[in-house]
Amino acid sequence: MVASVLIALLAAVAFGAGAVLQHHGANLVARRFPLHPALVQDLLRQPWWLLGTLVDVVGVGLHMLALSLGPLTVVQPVLVLSLVAGLLLQPLFGRPVRRGPLVSACVTVLGLAAFLVTLPRNQTAATSAHWTAGMVATLVLVAVAYSLTRWPPARAAGLGTVAGVVLSLSAALAKSWLPLLAAGMLGDLLRTWQLWAGCALGAAGVLVTQIAFQAGALGPSLAALTVSQPAVGVLLGALVFDETVFSGPTAVVQLLGLLTALVSVAVLVIRTNSEPDSKDRH
């Protein structure tokens, strides 16, 4: 499991660095409405933004590798450190790190460490029954989160949660088909429903993320997205892959560690995006 944690950590750093580079590049082009064709053209000519995209692609590859080596309940929570990495890299582009966000980042790391150190090591192959349970749980979560969008103050957070749930399910599906890819069984890979469903859900998750960012202030939507992905990842790891979590004498430590990490990273997002010099470009 150590290898999967280290690779997931590298993926988190890559995602954090990619976000900082893309943010810097986006601030160097003319301001336009999100997803405007002219904005896309400007970004595709911006070296910093392109470098950030390349680093993001590396992060995706590392994420997939980590999923193929370790439990979903380990890999998904580690990815919240992408925000910590992004925070620490901001000074490279003239944005100082303030005390409040730095404290939240430290608490996030400590909470995540407590969760991972006490987590049992086991996972099994997913069966049809496991996938049914995971799908039902996901649909319920999406329905609940989407219902929040009818209340204007919670619209952005609700959409962010929907995006996080969908992206978590996409990661779980990827974990199911990655062994076929690693074994070079391309014929079997192309025939598995998990591959196509995972790709479709991944694209849908990215689209809903952009819609969430446009639905209101960035803080609530990004916080909901950031917290829901690891939380749902842990849920799907337990339901689909029968990964043991919150059990044994360290169950309380596991639960408190994960909750501490998730609450702290949500506070980190909100604090960072409420700063006067914040220049979000979503």
C-alpha atoms as a PDB file:
ATOM      1  CA  MET A   1       0.000   0.000   0.000  1.00  0.00           C
ATOM      2  CA  VAL A   2       2.987   2.294   0.546  1.00  0.00           C
ATOM      3  CA  ALA A   3       3.619   2.475  -3.204  1.00  0.00           C
ATOM      4  CA  SER A   4       0.019   3.470  -3.929  1.00  0.00           C
ATOM      5  CA  VAL A   5       0.169   6.217  -1.278  1.00  0.00           C
ATOM      6  CA  LEU A   6       3.418   7.635  -2.658  1.00  0.00           C
ATOM      7  CA  ILE A   7       2.140   7.575  -6.239  1.00  0.00           C
ATOM      8  CA  ALA A   8      -1.184   9.127  -5.181  1.00  0.00           C
ATOM      9  CA  LEU A   9       0.824  11.816  -3.375  1.00  0.00           C
ATOM     10  CA  LEU A  10       2.774  12.519  -6.572  1.00  0.00           C
ATOM     11  CA  ALA A  11      -0.549  12.703  -8.435  1.00  0.00           C
ATOM     12  CA  ALA A  12      -1.843  15.206  -5.873  1.00  0.00           C
ATOM     13  CA  VAL A  13       1.278  17.355  -6.293  1.00  0.00           C
ATOM     14  CA  ALA A  14       0.859  17.200 -10.074  1.00  0.00           C
ATOM     15  CA  PHE A  15      -2.800  18.229  -9.843  1.00  0.00           C
ATOM     16  CA  GLY A  16      -1.914  21.077  -7.478  1.00  0.00           C
ATOM     17  CA  ALA A  17       0.928  22.292  -9.689  1.00  0.00           C
ATOM     18  CA  GLY A  18      -1.247  22.002 -12.779  1.00  0.00           C
ATOM     19  CA  ALA A  19      -3.964  24.115 -11.173  1.00  0.00           C
ATOM     20  CA  VAL A  20      -1.484  26.836 -10.176  1.00  0.00           C
ATOM     21  CA  LEU A  21       0.078  26.915 -13.654  1.00  0.00           C
ATOM     22  CA  GLN A  22      -3.322  27.014 -15.372  1.00  0.00           C
ATOM     23  CA  HIS A  23      -4.516  29.745 -13.010  1.00  0.00           C
ATOM     24  CA  HIS A  24      -1.421  31.822 -13.753  1.00  0.00           C
ATOM     25  CA  GLY A  25      -1.790  31.303 -17.489  1.00  0.00           C
ATOM     26  CA  ALA A  26      -5.503  32.126 -17.423  1.00  0.00           C
ATOM     27  CA  ASN A  27      -4.765  35.425 -15.696  1.00  0.00           C
ATOM     28  CA  LEU A  28      -2.488  36.416 -18.590  1.00  0.00           C
ATOM     29  CA  VAL A  29      -5.226  36.299 -21.241  1.00  0.00           C
ATOM     30  CA  ALA A  30      -8.214  38.566 -21.789  1.00  0.00           C
ATOM     31  CA  ARG A  31     -11.144  37.995 -19.443  1.00  0.00           C
ATOM     32  CA  ARG A  32     -14.075  36.311 -21.158  1.00  0.00           C
ATOM     33  CA  PHE A  33     -17.159  34.293 -20.234  1.00  0.00           C
ATOM     34  CA  PRO A  34     -16.215  30.751 -19.098  1.00  0.00           C
ATOM     35  CA  LEU A  35     -16.064  28.200 -21.960  1.00  0.00           C
ATOM     36  CA  HIS A  36     -16.284  31.018 -24.536  1.00  0.00           C
ATOM     37  CA  PRO A  37     -14.657  29.817 -27.816  1.00  0.00           C
ATOM     38  CA  ALA A  38     -12.331  32.840 -27.880  1.00  0.00           C
ATOM     39  CA  LEU A  39     -11.187  32.053 -24.330  1.00  0.00           C
ATOM     40  CA  VAL A  40     -10.344  28.498 -25.358  1.00  0.00           C
ATOM     41  CA  GLN A  41      -8.310  29.824 -28.293  1.00  0.00           C
ATOM     42  CA  ASP A  42      -6.445  32.265 -26.049  1.00  0.00           C
ATOM     43  CA  LEU A  43      -5.642  29.561 -23.512  1.00  0.00           C
ATOM     44  CA  LEU A  44      -4.381  27.172 -26.179  1.00  0.00           C
ATOM     45  CA  ARG A  45      -1.814  29.818 -27.124  1.00  0.00           C
ATOM     46  CA  GLN A  46      -0.762  30.490 -23.525  1.00  0.00           C
ATOM     47  CA  PRO A  47       2.449  28.558 -22.585  1.00  0.00           C
ATOM     48  CA  TRP A  48       1.809  28.550 -18.833  1.00  0.00           C
ATOM     49  CA  TRP A  49      -1.726  27.213 -19.290  1.00  0.00           C
ATOM     50  CA  LEU A  50      -0.510  24.525 -21.700  1.00  0.00           C
ATOM     51  CA  LEU A  51       2.219  23.507 -19.255  1.00  0.00           C
ATOM     52  CA  GLY A  52      -0.398  23.254 -16.506  1.00  0.00           C
ATOM     53  CA  THR A  53      -2.547  21.059 -18.729  1.00  0.00           C
ATOM     54  CA  LEU A  54       0.426  18.794 -19.448  1.00  0.00           C
ATOM     55  CA  VAL A  55       1.156  18.488 -15.726  1.00  0.00           C
ATOM     56  CA  ASP A  56      -2.530  17.656 -15.167  1.00  0.00           C
ATOM     57  CA  VAL A  57      -2.282  14.841 -17.716  1.00  0.00           C
ATOM     58  CA  VAL A  58       0.721  13.474 -15.818  1.00  0.00           C
ATOM     59  CA  GLY A  59      -1.391  13.659 -12.655  1.00  0.00           C
ATOM     60  CA  VAL A  60      -4.163  11.637 -14.290  1.00  0.00           C
ATOM     61  CA  GLY A  61      -1.653   8.962 -15.282  1.00  0.00           C
ATOM     62  CA  LEU A  62      -0.258   8.801 -11.755  1.00  0.00           C
ATOM     63  CA  HIS A  63      -3.794   8.656 -10.347  1.00  0.00           C
ATOM     64  CA  MET A  64      -4.630   5.694 -12.569  1.00  0.00           C
ATOM     65  CA  LEU A  65      -1.399   3.942 -11.547  1.00  0.00           C
ATOM     66  CA  ALA A  66      -2.155   4.508  -7.860  1.00  0.00           C
ATOM     67  CA  LEU A  67      -5.671   3.104  -8.306  1.00  0.00           C
ATOM     68  CA  SER A  68      -4.255  -0.018  -9.935  1.00  0.00           C
ATOM     69  CA  LEU A  69      -1.925  -0.603  -6.971  1.00  0.00           C
ATOM     70  CA  GLY A  70      -3.925   0.374  -3.903  1.00  0.00           C
ATOM     71  CA  PRO A  71      -7.391   0.595  -2.333  1.00  0.00           C
ATOM     72  CA  LEU A  72      -9.846   3.275  -3.395  1.00  0.00           C
ATOM     73  CA  THR A  73     -10.243   4.171   0.285  1.00  0.00           C
ATOM     74  CA  VAL A  74      -6.566   5.169   0.328  1.00  0.00           C
ATOM     75  CA  VAL A  75      -5.988   6.755  -3.068  1.00  0.00           C
ATOM     76  CA  GLN A  76      -9.009   9.081  -3.212  1.00  0.00           C
ATOM     77  CA  PRO A  77      -8.460  10.747   0.195  1.00  0.00           C
ATOM     78  CA  VAL A  78      -4.773  11.360  -0.584  1.00  0.00           C
ATOM     79  CA  LEU A  79      -5.771  13.466  -3.597  1.00  0.00           C
ATOM     80  CA  VAL A  80      -7.123  16.226  -1.326  1.00  0.00           C
ATOM     81  CA  LEU A  81      -3.469  17.112  -0.804  1.00  0.00           C
ATOM     82  CA  SER A  82      -3.535  18.624  -4.295  1.00  0.00           C
ATOM     83  CA  LEU A  83      -4.990  21.754  -2.691  1.00  0.00           C
ATOM     84  CA  VAL A  84      -2.208  21.799  -0.106  1.00  0.00           C
ATOM     85  CA  ALA A  85       0.389  21.422  -2.867  1.00  0.00           C
ATOM     86  CA  GLY A  86      -1.242  24.182  -4.876  1.00  0.00           C
ATOM     87  CA  LEU A  87      -1.251  26.469  -1.842  1.00  0.00           C
ATOM     88  CA  LEU A  88       2.461  25.912  -1.186  1.00  0.00           C
ATOM     89  CA  LEU A  89       3.335  26.546  -4.844  1.00  0.00           C
ATOM     90  CA  GLN A  90       1.479  29.870  -5.071  1.00  0.00           C
ATOM     91  CA  PRO A  91       4.440  31.985  -3.850  1.00  0.00           C
ATOM     92  CA  LEU A  92       6.311  31.006  -7.031  1.00  0.00           C
ATOM     93  CA  PHE A  93       3.874  33.260  -8.883  1.00  0.00           C
ATOM     94  CA  GLY A  94       3.776  36.122  -6.415  1.00  0.00           C
ATOM     95  CA  ARG A  95       0.868  35.008  -4.224  1.00  0.00           C
ATOM     96  CA  PRO A  96       1.944  34.765  -0.567  1.00  0.00           C
ATOM     97  CA  VAL A  97       0.590  32.039   1.699  1.00  0.00           C
ATOM     98  CA  ARG A  98      -1.363  33.495   4.596  1.00  0.00           C
ATOM     99  CA  ARG A  99      -1.429  32.037   8.081  1.00  0.00           C
ATOM    100  CA  GLY A 100      -5.081  30.911   8.066  1.00  0.00           C
ATOM    101  CA  PRO A 101      -4.901  28.732   4.945  1.00  0.00           C
ATOM    102  CA  LEU A 102      -1.503  27.395   6.046  1.00  0.00           C
ATOM    103  CA  VAL A 103      -2.943  26.246   9.387  1.00  0.00           C
ATOM    104  CA  SER A 104      -5.844  24.552   7.576  1.00  0.00           C
ATOM    105  CA  ALA A 105      -3.357  22.828   5.266  1.00  0.00           C
ATOM    106  CA  CYS A 106      -1.341  21.497   8.218  1.00  0.00           C
ATOM    107  CA  VAL A 107      -4.471  20.187   9.951  1.00  0.00           C
ATOM    108  CA  THR A 108      -5.541  18.514   6.690  1.00  0.00           C
ATOM    109  CA  VAL A 109      -2.213  16.686   6.442  1.00  0.00           C
ATOM    110  CA  LEU A 110      -2.337  15.560  10.085  1.00  0.00           C
ATOM    111  CA  GLY A 111      -5.933  14.337   9.798  1.00  0.00           C
ATOM    112  CA  LEU A 112      -5.199  12.430   6.611  1.00  0.00           C
ATOM    113  CA  ALA A 113      -2.090  10.873   8.164  1.00  0.00           C
ATOM    114  CA  ALA A 114      -4.121   9.653  11.153  1.00  0.00           C
ATOM    115  CA  PHE A 115      -6.676   8.109   8.787  1.00  0.00           C
ATOM    116  CA  LEU A 116      -4.122   6.346   6.585  1.00  0.00           C
ATOM    117  CA  VAL A 117      -1.876   5.012   9.348  1.00  0.00           C
ATOM    118  CA  THR A 118      -4.758   3.259  11.096  1.00  0.00           C
ATOM    119  CA  LEU A 119      -6.522   1.994   7.950  1.00  0.00           C
ATOM    120  CA  PRO A 120      -6.651  -1.813   7.507  1.00  0.00           C
ATOM    121  CA  ARG A 121      -5.125  -3.201   4.291  1.00  0.00           C
ATOM    122  CA  ASN A 122      -7.512  -5.330   2.255  1.00  0.00           C
ATOM    123  CA  GLN A 123      -9.522  -5.266  -0.972  1.00  0.00           C
ATOM    124  CA  THR A 124     -11.363  -7.796  -3.135  1.00  0.00           C
ATOM    125  CA  ALA A 125     -12.573  -7.990  -6.724  1.00  0.00           C
ATOM    126  CA  ALA A 126     -15.874  -6.245  -7.393  1.00  0.00           C
ATOM    127  CA  THR A 127     -18.895  -8.444  -8.121  1.00  0.00           C
ATOM    128  CA  SER A 128     -22.203  -7.577  -9.783  1.00  0.00           C
ATOM    129  CA  ALA A 129     -23.838  -7.316  -6.371  1.00  0.00           C
ATOM    130  CA  HIS A 130     -21.124  -4.932  -5.206  1.00  0.00           C
ATOM    131  CA  TRP A 131     -21.558  -2.742  -8.277  1.00  0.00           C
ATOM    132  CA  THR A 132     -25.320  -2.694  -7.766  1.00  0.00           C
ATOM    133  CA  ALA A 133     -24.855  -1.467  -4.198  1.00  0.00           C
ATOM    134  CA  GLY A 134     -22.357   1.152  -5.338  1.00  0.00           C
ATOM    135  CA  MET A 135     -24.589   2.397  -8.149  1.00  0.00           C
ATOM    136  CA  VAL A 136     -27.632   2.660  -5.894  1.00  0.00           C
ATOM    137  CA  ALA A 137     -25.648   4.592  -3.286  1.00  0.00           C
ATOM    138  CA  THR A 138     -24.292   6.915  -5.972  1.00  0.00           C
ATOM    139  CA  LEU A 139     -27.735   7.596  -7.447  1.00  0.00           C
ATOM    140  CA  VAL A 140     -29.113   8.414  -4.001  1.00  0.00           C
ATOM    141  CA  LEU A 141     -26.251  10.833  -3.321  1.00  0.00           C
ATOM    142  CA  VAL A 142     -26.663  12.516  -6.713  1.00  0.00           C
ATOM    143  CA  ALA A 143     -30.419  12.872  -6.164  1.00  0.00           C
ATOM    144  CA  VAL A 144     -29.931  14.407  -2.717  1.00  0.00           C
ATOM    145  CA  ALA A 145     -27.192  16.761  -3.925  1.00  0.00           C
ATOM    146  CA  TYR A 146     -29.173  17.818  -6.987  1.00  0.00           C
ATOM    147  CA  SER A 147     -32.211  18.567  -4.844  1.00  0.00           C
ATOM    148  CA  LEU A 148     -30.105  21.227  -3.110  1.00  0.00           C
ATOM    149  CA  THR A 149     -29.740  23.114  -6.390  1.00  0.00           C
ATOM    150  CA  ARG A 150     -33.393  24.194  -6.171  1.00  0.00           C
ATOM    151  CA  TRP A 151     -32.390  26.411  -3.230  1.00  0.00           C
ATOM    152  CA  PRO A 152     -30.409  29.305  -4.798  1.00  0.00           C
ATOM    153  CA  PRO A 153     -27.935  29.779  -1.887  1.00  0.00           C
ATOM    154  CA  ALA A 154     -26.984  26.087  -2.095  1.00  0.00           C
ATOM    155  CA  ARG A 155     -26.989  25.748  -5.894  1.00  0.00           C
ATOM    156  CA  ALA A 156     -23.220  25.984  -6.370  1.00  0.00           C
ATOM    157  CA  ALA A 157     -22.475  23.615  -3.489  1.00  0.00           C
ATOM    158  CA  GLY A 158     -25.102  21.147  -4.711  1.00  0.00           C
ATOM    159  CA  LEU A 159     -23.673  21.063  -8.221  1.00  0.00           C
ATOM    160  CA  GLY A 160     -20.153  20.751  -6.816  1.00  0.00           C
ATOM    161  CA  THR A 161     -21.283  17.749  -4.816  1.00  0.00           C
ATOM    162  CA  VAL A 162     -22.907  16.160  -7.872  1.00  0.00           C
ATOM    163  CA  ALA A 163     -19.646  16.605  -9.784  1.00  0.00           C
ATOM    164  CA  GLY A 164     -17.637  15.079  -6.938  1.00  0.00           C
ATOM    165  CA  VAL A 165     -19.918  12.046  -6.702  1.00  0.00           C
ATOM    166  CA  VAL A 166     -19.812  11.451 -10.461  1.00  0.00           C
ATOM    167  CA  LEU A 167     -16.013  11.786 -10.615  1.00  0.00           C
ATOM    168  CA  SER A 168     -15.637   9.395  -7.671  1.00  0.00           C
ATOM    169  CA  LEU A 169     -17.747   6.779  -9.442  1.00  0.00           C
ATOM    170  CA  SER A 170     -15.618   7.277 -12.556  1.00  0.00           C
ATOM    171  CA  ALA A 171     -12.487   6.569 -10.484  1.00  0.00           C
ATOM    172  CA  ALA A 172     -14.080   3.430  -9.028  1.00  0.00           C
ATOM    173  CA  LEU A 173     -14.932   2.210 -12.521  1.00  0.00           C
ATOM    174  CA  ALA A 174     -11.368   2.909 -13.639  1.00  0.00           C
ATOM    175  CA  LYS A 175     -10.039   0.790 -10.792  1.00  0.00           C
ATOM    176  CA  SER A 176     -12.149  -2.062 -12.154  1.00  0.00           C
ATOM    177  CA  TRP A 177     -10.802  -1.961 -15.736  1.00  0.00           C
ATOM    178  CA  LEU A 178      -7.198  -0.937 -15.062  1.00  0.00           C
ATOM    179  CA  PRO A 179      -6.050  -4.554 -14.403  1.00  0.00           C
ATOM    180  CA  LEU A 180      -7.169  -5.486 -17.936  1.00  0.00           C
ATOM    181  CA  LEU A 181      -5.126  -2.627 -19.360  1.00  0.00           C
ATOM    182  CA  ALA A 182      -2.086  -3.592 -17.284  1.00  0.00           C
ATOM    183  CA  ALA A 183      -2.357  -7.189 -18.519  1.00  0.00           C
ATOM    184  CA  GLY A 184      -2.564  -6.065 -22.146  1.00  0.00           C
ATOM    185  CA  MET A 185      -6.009  -7.638 -22.562  1.00  0.00           C
ATOM    186  CA  LEU A 186      -7.246  -4.934 -24.933  1.00  0.00           C
ATOM    187  CA  GLY A 187     -10.043  -7.052 -26.398  1.00  0.00           C
ATOM    188  CA  ASP A 188     -11.526  -7.742 -22.969  1.00  0.00           C
ATOM    189  CA  LEU A 189     -10.944  -4.116 -21.992  1.00  0.00           C
ATOM    190  CA  LEU A 190     -12.951  -2.783 -24.933  1.00  0.00           C
ATOM    191  CA  ARG A 191     -15.806  -5.158 -24.126  1.00  0.00           C
ATOM    192  CA  THR A 192     -16.119  -4.187 -20.462  1.00  0.00           C
ATOM    193  CA  TRP A 193     -18.933  -1.794 -19.608  1.00  0.00           C
ATOM    194  CA  GLN A 194     -16.857  -0.195 -16.853  1.00  0.00           C
ATOM    195  CA  LEU A 195     -14.484   1.372 -19.395  1.00  0.00           C
ATOM    196  CA  TRP A 196     -17.153   3.165 -21.400  1.00  0.00           C
ATOM    197  CA  ALA A 197     -19.251   4.107 -18.377  1.00  0.00           C
ATOM    198  CA  GLY A 198     -16.157   5.451 -16.628  1.00  0.00           C
ATOM    199  CA  CYS A 199     -15.130   7.579 -19.626  1.00  0.00           C
ATOM    200  CA  ALA A 200     -18.662   8.962 -20.004  1.00  0.00           C
ATOM    201  CA  LEU A 201     -18.942   9.757 -16.303  1.00  0.00           C
ATOM    202  CA  GLY A 202     -15.505  11.366 -16.275  1.00  0.00           C
ATOM    203  CA  ALA A 203     -16.511  13.708 -19.100  1.00  0.00           C
ATOM    204  CA  ALA A 204     -19.851  14.419 -17.408  1.00  0.00           C
ATOM    205  CA  GLY A 205     -18.077  15.158 -14.129  1.00  0.00           C
ATOM    206  CA  VAL A 206     -15.783  17.703 -15.777  1.00  0.00           C
ATOM    207  CA  LEU A 207     -18.763  19.402 -17.452  1.00  0.00           C
ATOM    208  CA  VAL A 208     -20.804  19.560 -14.232  1.00  0.00           C
ATOM    209  CA  THR A 209     -17.732  20.957 -12.457  1.00  0.00           C
ATOM    210  CA  GLN A 210     -17.608  23.887 -14.881  1.00  0.00           C
ATOM    211  CA  ILE A 211     -21.356  24.446 -14.483  1.00  0.00           C
ATOM    212  CA  ALA A 212     -20.918  24.444 -10.692  1.00  0.00           C
ATOM    213  CA  PHE A 213     -18.125  27.026 -10.926  1.00  0.00           C
ATOM    214  CA  GLN A 214     -20.444  29.303 -12.924  1.00  0.00           C
ATOM    215  CA  ALA A 215     -23.391  28.841 -10.544  1.00  0.00           C
ATOM    216  CA  GLY A 216     -22.056  31.118  -7.817  1.00  0.00           C
ATOM    217  CA  ALA A 217     -19.011  31.921  -5.712  1.00  0.00           C
ATOM    218  CA  LEU A 218     -16.078  29.549  -6.238  1.00  0.00           C
ATOM    219  CA  GLY A 219     -15.577  28.716  -2.545  1.00  0.00           C
ATOM    220  CA  PRO A 220     -18.779  26.683  -1.911  1.00  0.00           C
ATOM    221  CA  SER A 221     -18.655  24.744  -5.196  1.00  0.00           C
ATOM    222  CA  LEU A 222     -14.941  23.908  -4.942  1.00  0.00           C
ATOM    223  CA  ALA A 223     -15.263  22.980  -1.255  1.00  0.00           C
ATOM    224  CA  ALA A 224     -18.187  20.645  -2.015  1.00  0.00           C
ATOM    225  CA  LEU A 225     -16.298  19.113  -4.947  1.00  0.00           C
ATOM    226  CA  THR A 226     -13.139  18.641  -2.881  1.00  0.00           C
ATOM    227  CA  VAL A 227     -14.880  17.050   0.104  1.00  0.00           C
ATOM    228  CA  SER A 228     -17.314  14.838  -1.812  1.00  0.00           C
ATOM    229  CA  GLN A 229     -14.678  13.090  -3.944  1.00  0.00           C
ATOM    230  CA  PRO A 230     -12.708  11.438  -1.104  1.00  0.00           C
ATOM    231  CA  ALA A 231     -15.828  10.848   0.997  1.00  0.00           C
ATOM    232  CA  VAL A 232     -17.635   9.057  -1.826  1.00  0.00           C
ATOM    233  CA  GLY A 233     -14.397   7.302  -2.752  1.00  0.00           C
ATOM    234  CA  VAL A 234     -14.248   5.771   0.722  1.00  0.00           C
ATOM    235  CA  LEU A 235     -17.927   4.782   0.482  1.00  0.00           C
ATOM    236  CA  LEU A 236     -17.490   3.116  -2.919  1.00  0.00           C
ATOM    237  CA  GLY A 237     -14.295   1.416  -1.800  1.00  0.00           C
ATOM    238  CA  ALA A 238     -16.209  -0.206   1.042  1.00  0.00           C
ATOM    239  CA  LEU A 239     -19.329  -1.071  -0.976  1.00  0.00           C
ATOM    240  CA  VAL A 240     -17.823  -2.120  -4.310  1.00  0.00           C
ATOM    241  CA  PHE A 241     -14.388  -3.492  -3.452  1.00  0.00           C
ATOM    242  CA  ASP A 242     -15.176  -4.639   0.099  1.00  0.00           C
ATOM    243  CA  GLU A 243     -12.321  -2.555   1.511  1.00  0.00           C
ATOM    244  CA  THR A 244     -12.348  -2.517   5.295  1.00  0.00           C
ATOM    245  CA  VAL A 245     -12.755   0.933   6.799  1.00  0.00           C
ATOM    246  CA  PHE A 246     -13.868   2.283  10.185  1.00  0.00           C
ATOM    247  CA  SER A 247     -13.458  -1.081  11.909  1.00  0.00           C
ATOM    248  CA  GLY A 248     -11.374  -2.544  14.705  1.00  0.00           C
ATOM    249  CA  PRO A 249      -9.876  -0.759  17.716  1.00  0.00           C
ATOM    250  CA  THR A 250      -8.718   2.190  15.584  1.00  0.00           C
ATOM    251  CA  ALA A 251     -12.123   2.873  14.010  1.00  0.00           C
ATOM    252  CA  VAL A 252     -12.629   6.082  15.984  1.00  0.00           C
ATOM    253  CA  VAL A 253      -9.174   7.357  15.003  1.00  0.00           C
ATOM    254  CA  GLN A 254      -9.883   6.559  11.337  1.00  0.00           C
ATOM    255  CA  LEU A 255     -13.214   8.372  11.387  1.00  0.00           C
ATOM    256  CA  LEU A 256     -11.916  11.417  13.257  1.00  0.00           C
ATOM    257  CA  GLY A 257      -8.843  11.599  11.039  1.00  0.00           C
ATOM    258  CA  LEU A 258     -10.872  11.556   7.825  1.00  0.00           C
ATOM    259  CA  LEU A 259     -13.450  14.035   9.122  1.00  0.00           C
ATOM    260  CA  THR A 260     -10.682  16.355  10.316  1.00  0.00           C
ATOM    261  CA  ALA A 261      -8.980  16.226   6.920  1.00  0.00           C
ATOM    262  CA  LEU A 262     -12.206  16.867   4.993  1.00  0.00           C
ATOM    263  CA  VAL A 263     -13.391  19.731   7.199  1.00  0.00           C
ATOM    264  CA  SER A 264      -9.938  21.331   7.176  1.00  0.00           C
ATOM    265  CA  VAL A 265      -9.570  21.137   3.414  1.00  0.00           C
ATOM    266  CA  ALA A 266     -13.046  22.673   2.992  1.00  0.00           C
ATOM    267  CA  VAL A 267     -11.998  25.527   5.279  1.00  0.00           C
ATOM    268  CA  LEU A 268      -8.771  25.839   3.275  1.00  0.00           C
ATOM    269  CA  VAL A 269     -10.740  26.220   0.037  1.00  0.00           C
ATOM    270  CA  ILE A 270     -13.119  28.804   1.474  1.00  0.00           C
ATOM    271  CA  ARG A 271     -10.331  30.810   3.130  1.00  0.00           C
ATOM    272  CA  THR A 272      -8.183  30.810   0.021  1.00  0.00           C
ATOM    273  CA  ASN A 273     -11.015  31.910  -2.252  1.00  0.00           C
ATOM    274  CA  SER A 274     -12.245  34.630   0.101  1.00  0.00           C
ATOM    275  CA  GLU A 275      -8.897  36.443   0.139  1.00  0.00           C
ATOM    276  CA  PRO A 276      -8.956  39.946  -1.365  1.00  0.00           C
ATOM    277  CA  ASP A 277      -6.271  39.127  -3.930  1.00  0.00           C
ATOM    278  CA  SER A 278      -7.881  35.915  -5.063  1.00  0.00           C
ATOM    279  CA  LYS A 279      -8.151  35.865  -8.873  1.00  0.00           C
ATOM    280  CA  ASP A 280     -10.043  32.783  -9.784  1.00  0.00           C
ATOM    281  CA  ARG A 281     -10.435  32.058 -13.443  1.00  0.00           C
ATOM    282  CA  HIS A 282     -13.041  29.330 -13.695  1.00  0.00           C
END
